[in-house]
Amino acid sequence: MIRQKIWKPGAVRLAGSDRYARLVVYWLHCHYREAERSTLHATVTPVPVPFPQANNAMSTDAVSTDQFKQAMGLFPSGVTIVTTSVNEERFGFTASAFSSLSLSPPLILVCLANSADCFKPFNTGKQFAVNIIDEKYEELAMKFATKGCDKFAGDEFIEGGVGLPVLPDTPVSLECRTKHVYPGGDHVILVGEVEHLTLGTGLPTVWHAGGFRKLES
């Protein structure tokens, strides 16, 4: 530490009772005390040390769409078939981007691609249902993930408690009133308030690394 040479008031002797000189000495004494306190309480700003990166680490600037999809696919998630009905016409899509949001009120969220063929009825609709599926509905989930096909050609769905198409005998069916719709990049985030739910007995199927997986009971 480099110390600055500071004048100390004890080094001055006054001749007589010169009032002006006494005021000067008093001011220098206060200045010295302030400088001394500043020296004692001086702080050093720490320099952040970069956290060591793994050899295969990649900055976000270099992440491609395919790499991001692969990374997110490594996170196991449930599989849902989301449905709605507008003017007696039914629409639906498959989603794994689903989560609970709030207990009071009971809110859930699910994400829908802006490019989906059913984007408009969900984006502007007033209600939707989320069916958490088990193994027997895996083929139907692949169908609902495909553009251009007649997703409701079969007789799998029944009318739920509030009139929405739901799957019978699934682990969970949630019928929701659309609470909010938020933009989220190339998706929208549908927030629904659960108005009716049905609990089944099956084990939900899981999507991981590009395929369906089974839960062990």
C-alpha atoms as a PDB file:
ATOM      1  CA  MET A   1       0.000   0.000   0.000  1.00  0.00           C
ATOM      2  CA  ILE A   2       1.317   3.451  -0.934  1.00  0.00           C
ATOM      3  CA  ARG A   3       0.803   5.919   1.913  1.00  0.00           C
ATOM      4  CA  GLN A   4       0.445   9.569   1.213  1.00  0.00           C
ATOM      5  CA  LYS A   5       2.472  11.870   3.449  1.00  0.00           C
ATOM      6  CA  ILE A   6      -0.097  13.728   5.510  1.00  0.00           C
ATOM      7  CA  TRP A   7       0.633  16.789   7.595  1.00  0.00           C
ATOM      8  CA  LYS A   8       0.004  16.364  11.327  1.00  0.00           C
ATOM      9  CA  PRO A   9      -1.168  19.327  13.396  1.00  0.00           C
ATOM     10  CA  GLY A  10       1.255  18.616  16.243  1.00  0.00           C
ATOM     11  CA  ALA A  11       4.108  19.764  14.000  1.00  0.00           C
ATOM     12  CA  VAL A  12       3.050  23.429  14.172  1.00  0.00           C
ATOM     13  CA  ARG A  13       3.747  25.754  17.089  1.00  0.00           C
ATOM     14  CA  LEU A  14       1.749  28.935  17.409  1.00  0.00           C
ATOM     15  CA  ALA A  15       3.259  32.216  18.462  1.00  0.00           C
ATOM     16  CA  GLY A  16       1.026  34.195  20.761  1.00  0.00           C
ATOM     17  CA  SER A  17      -2.764  33.974  20.398  1.00  0.00           C
ATOM     18  CA  ASP A  18      -3.156  34.531  16.705  1.00  0.00           C
ATOM     19  CA  ARG A  19      -6.825  33.650  16.112  1.00  0.00           C
ATOM     20  CA  TYR A  20      -6.430  33.194  12.382  1.00  0.00           C
ATOM     21  CA  ALA A  21      -3.560  30.782  12.823  1.00  0.00           C
ATOM     22  CA  ARG A  22      -5.609  28.757  15.288  1.00  0.00           C
ATOM     23  CA  LEU A  23      -8.446  28.460  12.751  1.00  0.00           C
ATOM     24  CA  VAL A  24      -5.995  27.278  10.102  1.00  0.00           C
ATOM     25  CA  VAL A  25      -4.596  24.649  12.460  1.00  0.00           C
ATOM     26  CA  TYR A  26      -8.105  23.473  13.375  1.00  0.00           C
ATOM     27  CA  TRP A  27      -9.027  23.102   9.692  1.00  0.00           C
ATOM     28  CA  LEU A  28      -5.827  21.160   8.968  1.00  0.00           C
ATOM     29  CA  HIS A  29      -6.495  18.941  11.965  1.00  0.00           C
ATOM     30  CA  CYS A  30      -9.987  18.053  10.667  1.00  0.00           C
ATOM     31  CA  HIS A  31      -8.602  17.478   7.176  1.00  0.00           C
ATOM     32  CA  TYR A  32      -5.958  15.127   8.551  1.00  0.00           C
ATOM     33  CA  ARG A  33      -8.535  13.104  10.510  1.00  0.00           C
ATOM     34  CA  GLU A  34     -10.732  12.712   7.444  1.00  0.00           C
ATOM     35  CA  ALA A  35      -7.784  11.602   5.320  1.00  0.00           C
ATOM     36  CA  GLU A  36      -6.761   9.093   7.990  1.00  0.00           C
ATOM     37  CA  ARG A  37     -10.255   7.592   8.163  1.00  0.00           C
ATOM     38  CA  SER A  38     -10.400   7.319   4.384  1.00  0.00           C
ATOM     39  CA  THR A  39      -7.087   5.447   4.375  1.00  0.00           C
ATOM     40  CA  LEU A  40      -8.192   3.045   7.132  1.00  0.00           C
ATOM     41  CA  HIS A  41     -11.559   2.236   5.548  1.00  0.00           C
ATOM     42  CA  ALA A  42     -10.481   2.128   1.915  1.00  0.00           C
ATOM     43  CA  THR A  43     -11.924  -0.853   0.022  1.00  0.00           C
ATOM     44  CA  VAL A  44     -10.614  -2.711  -2.971  1.00  0.00           C
ATOM     45  CA  THR A  45     -13.028  -3.556  -5.760  1.00  0.00           C
ATOM     46  CA  PRO A  46     -12.764  -7.281  -6.447  1.00  0.00           C
ATOM     47  CA  VAL A  47     -12.000  -8.396  -9.984  1.00  0.00           C
ATOM     48  CA  PRO A  48     -14.354 -11.201 -11.042  1.00  0.00           C
ATOM     49  CA  VAL A  49     -12.610 -14.436 -11.964  1.00  0.00           C
ATOM     50  CA  PRO A  50     -14.089 -16.271 -14.968  1.00  0.00           C
ATOM     51  CA  PHE A  51     -15.707 -19.579 -14.015  1.00  0.00           C
ATOM     52  CA  PRO A  52     -13.854 -22.472 -15.655  1.00  0.00           C
ATOM     53  CA  GLN A  53     -15.741 -23.890 -18.622  1.00  0.00           C
ATOM     54  CA  ALA A  54     -15.884 -27.506 -19.682  1.00  0.00           C
ATOM     55  CA  ASN A  55     -13.949 -28.334 -22.821  1.00  0.00           C
ATOM     56  CA  ASN A  56     -17.153 -29.070 -24.732  1.00  0.00           C
ATOM     57  CA  ALA A  57     -19.057 -26.004 -23.459  1.00  0.00           C
ATOM     58  CA  MET A  58     -20.707 -23.866 -26.091  1.00  0.00           C
ATOM     59  CA  SER A  59     -21.767 -20.231 -25.904  1.00  0.00           C
ATOM     60  CA  THR A  60     -25.408 -19.417 -26.566  1.00  0.00           C
ATOM     61  CA  ASP A  61     -24.399 -17.495 -29.672  1.00  0.00           C
ATOM     62  CA  ALA A  62     -23.370 -20.781 -31.276  1.00  0.00           C
ATOM     63  CA  VAL A  63     -26.472 -22.823 -30.342  1.00  0.00           C
ATOM     64  CA  SER A  64     -28.419 -23.974 -33.377  1.00  0.00           C
ATOM     65  CA  THR A  65     -32.113 -24.886 -33.439  1.00  0.00           C
ATOM     66  CA  ASP A  66     -31.304 -28.585 -33.816  1.00  0.00           C
ATOM     67  CA  GLN A  67     -28.862 -28.517 -30.903  1.00  0.00           C
ATOM     68  CA  PHE A  68     -31.386 -26.756 -28.686  1.00  0.00           C
ATOM     69  CA  LYS A  69     -34.116 -29.267 -29.585  1.00  0.00           C
ATOM     70  CA  GLN A  70     -31.743 -32.120 -28.812  1.00  0.00           C
ATOM     71  CA  ALA A  71     -30.811 -30.596 -25.457  1.00  0.00           C
ATOM     72  CA  MET A  72     -34.439 -29.996 -24.439  1.00  0.00           C
ATOM     73  CA  GLY A  73     -35.337 -33.515 -25.547  1.00  0.00           C
ATOM     74  CA  LEU A  74     -33.058 -34.880 -22.855  1.00  0.00           C
ATOM     75  CA  PHE A  75     -35.410 -33.494 -20.216  1.00  0.00           C
ATOM     76  CA  PRO A  76     -38.071 -36.173 -19.521  1.00  0.00           C
ATOM     77  CA  SER A  77     -41.598 -34.808 -19.658  1.00  0.00           C
ATOM     78  CA  GLY A  78     -45.157 -35.983 -19.732  1.00  0.00           C
ATOM     79  CA  VAL A  79     -47.185 -36.032 -22.939  1.00  0.00           C
ATOM     80  CA  THR A  80     -50.486 -34.219 -23.348  1.00  0.00           C
ATOM     81  CA  ILE A  81     -53.139 -33.985 -26.029  1.00  0.00           C
ATOM     82  CA  VAL A  82     -54.727 -30.528 -25.879  1.00  0.00           C
ATOM     83  CA  THR A  83     -58.183 -29.980 -27.356  1.00  0.00           C
ATOM     84  CA  THR A  84     -60.809 -27.312 -27.820  1.00  0.00           C
ATOM     85  CA  SER A  85     -64.132 -26.843 -29.556  1.00  0.00           C
ATOM     86  CA  VAL A  86     -65.275 -23.738 -31.424  1.00  0.00           C
ATOM     87  CA  ASN A  87     -68.731 -23.609 -33.037  1.00  0.00           C
ATOM     88  CA  GLU A  88     -68.956 -27.423 -32.753  1.00  0.00           C
ATOM     89  CA  GLU A  89     -65.667 -27.868 -34.630  1.00  0.00           C
ATOM     90  CA  ARG A  90     -62.906 -29.619 -32.708  1.00  0.00           C
ATOM     91  CA  PHE A  91     -59.193 -28.807 -32.749  1.00  0.00           C
ATOM     92  CA  GLY A  92     -56.169 -30.252 -31.005  1.00  0.00           C
ATOM     93  CA  PHE A  93     -52.414 -30.684 -30.757  1.00  0.00           C
ATOM     94  CA  THR A  94     -49.828 -32.705 -28.838  1.00  0.00           C
ATOM     95  CA  ALA A  95     -47.634 -30.919 -26.295  1.00  0.00           C
ATOM     96  CA  SER A  96     -44.932 -31.871 -23.830  1.00  0.00           C
ATOM     97  CA  ALA A  97     -44.375 -28.216 -22.841  1.00  0.00           C
ATOM     98  CA  PHE A  98     -46.956 -28.378 -20.057  1.00  0.00           C
ATOM     99  CA  SER A  99     -46.776 -27.407 -16.381  1.00  0.00           C
ATOM    100  CA  SER A 100     -48.805 -26.509 -13.333  1.00  0.00           C
ATOM    101  CA  LEU A 101     -48.599 -22.797 -12.544  1.00  0.00           C
ATOM    102  CA  SER A 102     -50.652 -21.953  -9.458  1.00  0.00           C
ATOM    103  CA  LEU A 103     -52.608 -23.711  -6.724  1.00  0.00           C
ATOM    104  CA  SER A 104     -54.887 -20.802  -5.860  1.00  0.00           C
ATOM    105  CA  PRO A 105     -56.389 -20.211  -8.303  1.00  0.00           C
ATOM    106  CA  PRO A 106     -55.661 -23.573 -10.000  1.00  0.00           C
ATOM    107  CA  LEU A 107     -53.708 -22.564 -13.101  1.00  0.00           C
ATOM    108  CA  ILE A 108     -51.805 -24.577 -15.694  1.00  0.00           C
ATOM    109  CA  LEU A 109     -49.847 -23.579 -18.785  1.00  0.00           C
ATOM    110  CA  VAL A 110     -49.184 -25.252 -22.112  1.00  0.00           C
ATOM    111  CA  CYS A 111     -47.274 -23.999 -25.153  1.00  0.00           C
ATOM    112  CA  LEU A 112     -48.425 -24.017 -28.780  1.00  0.00           C
ATOM    113  CA  ALA A 113     -46.332 -23.285 -31.883  1.00  0.00           C
ATOM    114  CA  ASN A 114     -47.310 -20.185 -33.851  1.00  0.00           C
ATOM    115  CA  SER A 115     -47.089 -22.303 -36.999  1.00  0.00           C
ATOM    116  CA  ALA A 116     -49.607 -24.911 -35.802  1.00  0.00           C
ATOM    117  CA  ASP A 117     -52.651 -25.391 -38.020  1.00  0.00           C
ATOM    118  CA  CYS A 118     -54.868 -25.002 -34.928  1.00  0.00           C
ATOM    119  CA  PHE A 119     -53.144 -21.833 -33.732  1.00  0.00           C
ATOM    120  CA  LYS A 120     -56.076 -19.450 -34.271  1.00  0.00           C
ATOM    121  CA  PRO A 121     -58.810 -21.317 -32.344  1.00  0.00           C
ATOM    122  CA  PHE A 122     -56.517 -21.731 -29.324  1.00  0.00           C
ATOM    123  CA  ASN A 123     -55.051 -18.228 -29.524  1.00  0.00           C
ATOM    124  CA  THR A 124     -58.478 -16.582 -29.589  1.00  0.00           C
ATOM    125  CA  GLY A 125     -60.546 -19.278 -27.887  1.00  0.00           C
ATOM    126  CA  LYS A 126     -62.155 -19.149 -24.446  1.00  0.00           C
ATOM    127  CA  GLN A 127     -61.417 -22.650 -23.171  1.00  0.00           C
ATOM    128  CA  PHE A 128     -59.317 -25.777 -23.742  1.00  0.00           C
ATOM    129  CA  ALA A 129     -58.737 -29.229 -22.260  1.00  0.00           C
ATOM    130  CA  VAL A 130     -55.439 -30.942 -21.423  1.00  0.00           C
ATOM    131  CA  ASN A 131     -55.341 -34.743 -21.465  1.00  0.00           C
ATOM    132  CA  ILE A 132     -52.289 -36.274 -19.798  1.00  0.00           C
ATOM    133  CA  ILE A 133     -51.996 -39.553 -21.681  1.00  0.00           C
ATOM    134  CA  ASP A 134     -50.784 -43.049 -20.888  1.00  0.00           C
ATOM    135  CA  GLU A 135     -49.347 -45.761 -23.106  1.00  0.00           C
ATOM    136  CA  LYS A 136     -52.556 -46.627 -24.952  1.00  0.00           C
ATOM    137  CA  TYR A 137     -52.803 -43.114 -26.434  1.00  0.00           C
ATOM    138  CA  GLU A 138     -49.222 -42.816 -27.721  1.00  0.00           C
ATOM    139  CA  GLU A 139     -50.247 -43.471 -31.333  1.00  0.00           C
ATOM    140  CA  LEU A 140     -52.981 -40.867 -31.063  1.00  0.00           C
ATOM    141  CA  ALA A 141     -50.444 -38.370 -29.672  1.00  0.00           C
ATOM    142  CA  MET A 142     -48.260 -38.867 -32.758  1.00  0.00           C
ATOM    143  CA  LYS A 143     -51.343 -38.238 -34.914  1.00  0.00           C
ATOM    144  CA  PHE A 144     -52.129 -35.000 -33.076  1.00  0.00           C
ATOM    145  CA  ALA A 145     -48.505 -33.910 -33.623  1.00  0.00           C
ATOM    146  CA  THR A 146     -48.941 -34.247 -37.411  1.00  0.00           C
ATOM    147  CA  LYS A 147     -50.184 -31.414 -39.585  1.00  0.00           C
ATOM    148  CA  GLY A 148     -52.938 -31.879 -42.117  1.00  0.00           C
ATOM    149  CA  CYS A 149     -54.532 -35.094 -40.835  1.00  0.00           C
ATOM    150  CA  ASP A 150     -58.054 -35.593 -39.517  1.00  0.00           C
ATOM    151  CA  LYS A 151     -57.202 -35.806 -35.833  1.00  0.00           C
ATOM    152  CA  PHE A 152     -60.740 -36.566 -34.672  1.00  0.00           C
ATOM    153  CA  ALA A 153     -61.531 -39.249 -37.269  1.00  0.00           C
ATOM    154  CA  GLY A 154     -61.835 -41.932 -34.580  1.00  0.00           C
ATOM    155  CA  ASP A 155     -64.191 -42.185 -31.648  1.00  0.00           C
ATOM    156  CA  GLU A 156     -61.581 -41.817 -28.890  1.00  0.00           C
ATOM    157  CA  PHE A 157     -63.012 -38.618 -27.392  1.00  0.00           C
ATOM    158  CA  ILE A 158     -66.038 -38.023 -25.248  1.00  0.00           C
ATOM    159  CA  GLU A 159     -67.651 -34.811 -24.052  1.00  0.00           C
ATOM    160  CA  GLY A 160     -66.213 -33.620 -20.760  1.00  0.00           C
ATOM    161  CA  GLY A 161     -67.732 -31.881 -17.774  1.00  0.00           C
ATOM    162  CA  VAL A 162     -67.806 -28.455 -19.435  1.00  0.00           C
ATOM    163  CA  GLY A 163     -68.423 -29.708 -22.973  1.00  0.00           C
ATOM    164  CA  LEU A 164     -64.832 -30.035 -24.219  1.00  0.00           C
ATOM    165  CA  PRO A 165     -63.496 -33.140 -25.992  1.00  0.00           C
ATOM    166  CA  VAL A 166     -61.598 -35.288 -23.483  1.00  0.00           C
ATOM    167  CA  LEU A 167     -60.097 -38.756 -23.545  1.00  0.00           C
ATOM    168  CA  PRO A 168     -61.723 -41.362 -21.308  1.00  0.00           C
ATOM    169  CA  ASP A 169     -59.617 -43.395 -18.916  1.00  0.00           C
ATOM    170  CA  THR A 170     -56.542 -41.189 -18.987  1.00  0.00           C
ATOM    171  CA  PRO A 171     -54.400 -40.466 -15.924  1.00  0.00           C
ATOM    172  CA  VAL A 172     -55.663 -36.859 -15.865  1.00  0.00           C
ATOM    173  CA  SER A 173     -58.017 -34.657 -17.873  1.00  0.00           C
ATOM    174  CA  LEU A 174     -58.166 -30.925 -17.125  1.00  0.00           C
ATOM    175  CA  GLU A 175     -60.840 -28.665 -18.590  1.00  0.00           C
ATOM    176  CA  CYS A 176     -59.839 -25.017 -18.433  1.00  0.00           C
ATOM    177  CA  ARG A 177     -61.053 -21.532 -19.065  1.00  0.00           C
ATOM    178  CA  THR A 178     -58.456 -19.541 -20.981  1.00  0.00           C
ATOM    179  CA  LYS A 179     -57.033 -17.030 -18.513  1.00  0.00           C
ATOM    180  CA  HIS A 180     -54.145 -15.497 -20.460  1.00  0.00           C
ATOM    181  CA  VAL A 181     -52.310 -15.933 -23.748  1.00  0.00           C
ATOM    182  CA  TYR A 182     -48.696 -14.728 -23.773  1.00  0.00           C
ATOM    183  CA  PRO A 183     -46.236 -14.537 -26.679  1.00  0.00           C
ATOM    184  CA  GLY A 184     -43.161 -16.699 -26.241  1.00  0.00           C
ATOM    185  CA  GLY A 185     -40.830 -16.528 -29.235  1.00  0.00           C
ATOM    186  CA  ASP A 186     -42.121 -18.897 -31.916  1.00  0.00           C
ATOM    187  CA  HIS A 187     -44.801 -20.196 -29.497  1.00  0.00           C
ATOM    188  CA  VAL A 188     -47.676 -18.816 -27.448  1.00  0.00           C
ATOM    189  CA  ILE A 189     -48.158 -19.695 -23.783  1.00  0.00           C
ATOM    190  CA  LEU A 190     -51.737 -20.627 -22.951  1.00  0.00           C
ATOM    191  CA  VAL A 191     -52.609 -20.155 -19.288  1.00  0.00           C
ATOM    192  CA  GLY A 192     -55.780 -21.924 -18.210  1.00  0.00           C
ATOM    193  CA  GLU A 193     -57.798 -21.888 -15.010  1.00  0.00           C
ATOM    194  CA  VAL A 194     -58.952 -25.433 -14.260  1.00  0.00           C
ATOM    195  CA  GLU A 195     -62.745 -25.637 -13.988  1.00  0.00           C
ATOM    196  CA  HIS A 196     -63.170 -29.417 -14.076  1.00  0.00           C
ATOM    197  CA  LEU A 197     -60.796 -32.346 -13.715  1.00  0.00           C
ATOM    198  CA  THR A 198     -60.953 -36.120 -13.938  1.00  0.00           C
ATOM    199  CA  LEU A 199     -58.439 -38.460 -12.313  1.00  0.00           C
ATOM    200  CA  GLY A 200     -57.774 -41.901 -13.766  1.00  0.00           C
ATOM    201  CA  THR A 201     -55.657 -44.826 -12.664  1.00  0.00           C
ATOM    202  CA  GLY A 202     -53.083 -45.314 -15.441  1.00  0.00           C
ATOM    203  CA  LEU A 203     -49.427 -44.333 -15.388  1.00  0.00           C
ATOM    204  CA  PRO A 204     -48.568 -41.343 -17.601  1.00  0.00           C
ATOM    205  CA  THR A 205     -46.293 -41.966 -20.530  1.00  0.00           C
ATOM    206  CA  VAL A 206     -43.013 -40.032 -20.749  1.00  0.00           C
ATOM    207  CA  TRP A 207     -41.250 -38.425 -23.713  1.00  0.00           C
ATOM    208  CA  HIS A 208     -37.457 -38.526 -23.604  1.00  0.00           C
ATOM    209  CA  ALA A 209     -34.718 -38.261 -26.238  1.00  0.00           C
ATOM    210  CA  GLY A 210     -37.160 -38.459 -29.156  1.00  0.00           C
ATOM    211  CA  GLY A 211     -39.227 -41.397 -27.965  1.00  0.00           C
ATOM    212  CA  PHE A 212     -41.881 -42.626 -25.548  1.00  0.00           C
ATOM    213  CA  ARG A 213     -40.714 -44.122 -22.256  1.00  0.00           C
ATOM    214  CA  LYS A 214     -42.581 -46.091 -19.613  1.00  0.00           C
ATOM    215  CA  LEU A 215     -42.786 -45.311 -15.933  1.00  0.00           C
ATOM    216  CA  GLU A 216     -42.256 -48.191 -13.568  1.00  0.00           C
ATOM    217  CA  SER A 217     -45.001 -48.627 -10.979  1.00  0.00           C
END
